[in-house]
């Protein structure tokens, strides 16, 4: 287990504990992350009490593990998580919390999305997308 600290910048993030929970896979990255240190009982958007009878006190992020051609889609991708963050920032920018910093963060996230897409397109051109081949 490895603890992440890059997110710690304010009182909300100070309480969140993020850990990588599994061993690195073939590509060197880990696939299972846990975020703890919160309680969703005061969150009006929380579906957990209705669905499970209790609020959530952790979140799990499980990334794709293994080539899709071999194992199918078995987790989320960094592209999916970036899409969520980009959507939230676009929403803030369309609302009363628009600011230069959000605009710059959104630009960098969109740039990251672009480069990840370029990587995928290049792998598709070479016929190695969905495999462990380089």
C-alpha atoms as a PDB file:
ATOM      1  CA  UNK A   1       0.000   0.000   0.000  1.00  0.00           C
ATOM      2  CA  UNK A   2       1.283   3.438  -0.975  1.00  0.00           C
ATOM      3  CA  UNK A   3      -0.103   6.746   0.331  1.00  0.00           C
ATOM      4  CA  UNK A   4      -0.559   9.699  -2.043  1.00  0.00           C
ATOM      5  CA  UNK A   5      -0.155  13.275  -0.811  1.00  0.00           C
ATOM      6  CA  UNK A   6      -0.219  15.449  -3.961  1.00  0.00           C
ATOM      7  CA  UNK A   7      -3.845  16.436  -3.268  1.00  0.00           C
ATOM      8  CA  UNK A   8      -3.230  17.929   0.169  1.00  0.00           C
ATOM      9  CA  UNK A   9      -3.703  21.702  -0.164  1.00  0.00           C
ATOM     10  CA  UNK A  10      -6.698  22.727   1.970  1.00  0.00           C
ATOM     11  CA  UNK A  11      -8.736  21.561   4.986  1.00  0.00           C
ATOM     12  CA  UNK A  12     -11.011  19.310   2.882  1.00  0.00           C
ATOM     13  CA  UNK A  13      -8.126  17.600   1.120  1.00  0.00           C
ATOM     14  CA  UNK A  14      -6.124  17.408   4.352  1.00  0.00           C
ATOM     15  CA  UNK A  15      -8.738  14.944   5.636  1.00  0.00           C
ATOM     16  CA  UNK A  16      -8.766  12.751   2.531  1.00  0.00           C
ATOM     17  CA  UNK A  17      -6.408   9.793   2.637  1.00  0.00           C
ATOM     18  CA  UNK A  18      -5.645   8.312  -0.783  1.00  0.00           C
ATOM     19  CA  UNK A  19      -3.860   4.989  -1.020  1.00  0.00           C
ATOM     20  CA  UNK A  20      -2.806   2.785  -3.900  1.00  0.00           C
ATOM     21  CA  UNK A  21      -3.841  -0.661  -2.686  1.00  0.00           C
ATOM     22  CA  UNK A  22      -2.531  -3.270  -5.118  1.00  0.00           C
ATOM     23  CA  UNK A  23       0.796  -4.198  -6.658  1.00  0.00           C
ATOM     24  CA  UNK A  24       1.835  -2.507  -9.904  1.00  0.00           C
ATOM     25  CA  UNK A  25       0.729  -4.334 -13.039  1.00  0.00           C
ATOM     26  CA  UNK A  26       2.618  -5.190 -16.204  1.00  0.00           C
ATOM     27  CA  UNK A  27       2.857  -1.519 -17.220  1.00  0.00           C
ATOM     28  CA  UNK A  28       4.165  -0.422 -13.824  1.00  0.00           C
ATOM     29  CA  UNK A  29       0.950   1.291 -12.676  1.00  0.00           C
ATOM     30  CA  UNK A  30      -1.386   0.319  -9.884  1.00  0.00           C
ATOM     31  CA  UNK A  31      -5.068  -0.380 -10.522  1.00  0.00           C
ATOM     32  CA  UNK A  32      -6.833  -0.054  -7.161  1.00  0.00           C
ATOM     33  CA  UNK A  33      -7.060   3.214  -5.238  1.00  0.00           C
ATOM     34  CA  UNK A  34      -9.026   3.995  -2.093  1.00  0.00           C
ATOM     35  CA  UNK A  35     -10.055   7.441  -0.857  1.00  0.00           C
ATOM     36  CA  UNK A  36     -11.016   7.650   2.817  1.00  0.00           C
ATOM     37  CA  UNK A  37     -11.597  10.410   5.361  1.00  0.00           C
ATOM     38  CA  UNK A  38     -15.096  11.599   4.466  1.00  0.00           C
ATOM     39  CA  UNK A  39     -18.690  10.857   5.445  1.00  0.00           C
ATOM     40  CA  UNK A  40     -21.430  11.358   2.840  1.00  0.00           C
ATOM     41  CA  UNK A  41     -24.263  11.629   5.390  1.00  0.00           C
ATOM     42  CA  UNK A  42     -24.425  15.425   4.922  1.00  0.00           C
ATOM     43  CA  UNK A  43     -24.125  15.315   1.114  1.00  0.00           C
ATOM     44  CA  UNK A  44     -27.540  15.869  -0.513  1.00  0.00           C
ATOM     45  CA  UNK A  45     -26.357  14.080  -3.686  1.00  0.00           C
ATOM     46  CA  UNK A  46     -25.376  10.909  -1.805  1.00  0.00           C
ATOM     47  CA  UNK A  47     -27.237   7.831  -3.087  1.00  0.00           C
ATOM     48  CA  UNK A  48     -25.727   5.408  -0.567  1.00  0.00           C
ATOM     49  CA  UNK A  49     -28.210   5.675   2.302  1.00  0.00           C
ATOM     50  CA  UNK A  50     -31.121   4.943  -0.026  1.00  0.00           C
ATOM     51  CA  UNK A  51     -29.285   2.163  -1.879  1.00  0.00           C
ATOM     52  CA  UNK A  52     -27.269   0.570   0.921  1.00  0.00           C
ATOM     53  CA  UNK A  53     -28.754   1.816   4.180  1.00  0.00           C
ATOM     54  CA  UNK A  54     -25.666   3.765   5.252  1.00  0.00           C
ATOM     55  CA  UNK A  55     -23.586   6.712   4.062  1.00  0.00           C
ATOM     56  CA  UNK A  56     -20.268   6.091   2.313  1.00  0.00           C
ATOM     57  CA  UNK A  57     -17.012   6.666   4.144  1.00  0.00           C
ATOM     58  CA  UNK A  58     -14.691   5.655   1.332  1.00  0.00           C
ATOM     59  CA  UNK A  59     -14.535   5.582  -2.437  1.00  0.00           C
ATOM     60  CA  UNK A  60     -12.780   3.020  -4.581  1.00  0.00           C
ATOM     61  CA  UNK A  61     -11.316   3.666  -8.015  1.00  0.00           C
ATOM     62  CA  UNK A  62     -10.602   0.492  -9.950  1.00  0.00           C
ATOM     63  CA  UNK A  63      -8.689   1.021 -13.186  1.00  0.00           C
ATOM     64  CA  UNK A  64      -8.659  -1.175 -16.263  1.00  0.00           C
ATOM     65  CA  UNK A  65      -6.397  -4.128 -15.513  1.00  0.00           C
ATOM     66  CA  UNK A  66      -5.122  -6.017 -18.508  1.00  0.00           C
ATOM     67  CA  UNK A  67      -5.486  -5.630 -22.263  1.00  0.00           C
ATOM     68  CA  UNK A  68      -9.109  -5.033 -23.285  1.00  0.00           C
ATOM     69  CA  UNK A  69      -8.737  -7.497 -26.176  1.00  0.00           C
ATOM     70  CA  UNK A  70      -7.911 -10.216 -23.644  1.00  0.00           C
ATOM     71  CA  UNK A  71      -9.887  -9.333 -20.470  1.00  0.00           C
ATOM     72  CA  UNK A  72     -12.606  -6.973 -21.687  1.00  0.00           C
ATOM     73  CA  UNK A  73     -13.410  -3.692 -19.965  1.00  0.00           C
ATOM     74  CA  UNK A  74     -12.905  -4.394 -16.250  1.00  0.00           C
ATOM     75  CA  UNK A  75     -12.252  -0.938 -14.814  1.00  0.00           C
ATOM     76  CA  UNK A  76     -12.233   2.783 -15.505  1.00  0.00           C
ATOM     77  CA  UNK A  77      -9.566   4.704 -17.396  1.00  0.00           C
ATOM     78  CA  UNK A  78      -7.697   7.885 -16.605  1.00  0.00           C
ATOM     79  CA  UNK A  79      -9.503   9.354 -19.623  1.00  0.00           C
ATOM     80  CA  UNK A  80     -12.863   8.707 -17.901  1.00  0.00           C
ATOM     81  CA  UNK A  81     -11.719  10.399 -14.684  1.00  0.00           C
ATOM     82  CA  UNK A  82     -10.322  13.373 -16.596  1.00  0.00           C
ATOM     83  CA  UNK A  83     -13.665  13.695 -18.424  1.00  0.00           C
ATOM     84  CA  UNK A  84     -15.444  13.967 -15.052  1.00  0.00           C
ATOM     85  CA  UNK A  85     -13.053  16.631 -13.762  1.00  0.00           C
ATOM     86  CA  UNK A  86     -13.287  18.556 -17.055  1.00  0.00           C
ATOM     87  CA  UNK A  87     -17.094  18.463 -16.861  1.00  0.00           C
ATOM     88  CA  UNK A  88     -17.074  19.824 -13.298  1.00  0.00           C
ATOM     89  CA  UNK A  89     -14.683  22.633 -14.215  1.00  0.00           C
ATOM     90  CA  UNK A  90     -16.775  23.543 -17.287  1.00  0.00           C
ATOM     91  CA  UNK A  91     -19.826  23.653 -15.023  1.00  0.00           C
ATOM     92  CA  UNK A  92     -18.063  25.926 -12.526  1.00  0.00           C
ATOM     93  CA  UNK A  93     -16.940  28.144 -15.406  1.00  0.00           C
ATOM     94  CA  UNK A  94     -20.557  28.418 -16.598  1.00  0.00           C
ATOM     95  CA  UNK A  95     -21.730  29.304 -13.092  1.00  0.00           C
ATOM     96  CA  UNK A  96     -20.958  31.828 -10.381  1.00  0.00           C
ATOM     97  CA  UNK A  97     -17.520  30.338  -9.566  1.00  0.00           C
ATOM     98  CA  UNK A  98     -15.839  31.031 -12.895  1.00  0.00           C
ATOM     99  CA  UNK A  99     -12.249  32.135 -12.458  1.00  0.00           C
ATOM    100  CA  UNK A 100      -8.914  32.263 -14.236  1.00  0.00           C
ATOM    101  CA  UNK A 101      -7.502  29.379 -12.208  1.00  0.00           C
ATOM    102  CA  UNK A 102     -10.377  27.044 -13.168  1.00  0.00           C
ATOM    103  CA  UNK A 103      -9.962  28.064 -16.819  1.00  0.00           C
ATOM    104  CA  UNK A 104      -6.246  27.270 -16.706  1.00  0.00           C
ATOM    105  CA  UNK A 105      -6.845  23.946 -14.934  1.00  0.00           C
ATOM    106  CA  UNK A 106      -9.475  23.035 -17.541  1.00  0.00           C
ATOM    107  CA  UNK A 107      -7.057  23.868 -20.352  1.00  0.00           C
ATOM    108  CA  UNK A 108      -4.407  21.582 -18.870  1.00  0.00           C
ATOM    109  CA  UNK A 109      -6.904  18.761 -18.357  1.00  0.00           C
ATOM    110  CA  UNK A 110      -8.037  19.117 -21.967  1.00  0.00           C
ATOM    111  CA  UNK A 111      -4.374  19.023 -23.004  1.00  0.00           C
ATOM    112  CA  UNK A 112      -3.875  15.826 -20.987  1.00  0.00           C
ATOM    113  CA  UNK A 113      -6.956  14.339 -22.667  1.00  0.00           C
ATOM    114  CA  UNK A 114      -5.509  15.265 -26.068  1.00  0.00           C
ATOM    115  CA  UNK A 115      -2.173  13.572 -25.412  1.00  0.00           C
ATOM    116  CA  UNK A 116      -3.773  10.417 -24.027  1.00  0.00           C
ATOM    117  CA  UNK A 117      -5.986  10.282 -27.139  1.00  0.00           C
ATOM    118  CA  UNK A 118      -2.924  10.763 -29.367  1.00  0.00           C
ATOM    119  CA  UNK A 119      -1.198   7.883 -27.578  1.00  0.00           C
ATOM    120  CA  UNK A 120      -4.216   5.653 -28.193  1.00  0.00           C
ATOM    121  CA  UNK A 121      -4.493   6.666 -31.870  1.00  0.00           C
ATOM    122  CA  UNK A 122      -0.797   5.953 -32.403  1.00  0.00           C
ATOM    123  CA  UNK A 123      -1.143   2.534 -30.775  1.00  0.00           C
ATOM    124  CA  UNK A 124      -4.170   1.842 -32.976  1.00  0.00           C
ATOM    125  CA  UNK A 125      -2.165   2.814 -36.104  1.00  0.00           C
ATOM    126  CA  UNK A 126       0.546   0.374 -35.058  1.00  0.00           C
ATOM    127  CA  UNK A 127      -1.994  -2.366 -34.314  1.00  0.00           C
ATOM    128  CA  UNK A 128      -0.983  -2.740 -30.654  1.00  0.00           C
ATOM    129  CA  UNK A 129      -3.878  -0.981 -28.895  1.00  0.00           C
ATOM    130  CA  UNK A 130      -5.545  -3.326 -26.404  1.00  0.00           C
ATOM    131  CA  UNK A 131      -2.380  -5.396 -25.940  1.00  0.00           C
ATOM    132  CA  UNK A 132       0.723  -5.291 -23.743  1.00  0.00           C
ATOM    133  CA  UNK A 133       2.920  -4.712 -26.819  1.00  0.00           C
ATOM    134  CA  UNK A 134       4.905  -1.459 -26.878  1.00  0.00           C
END
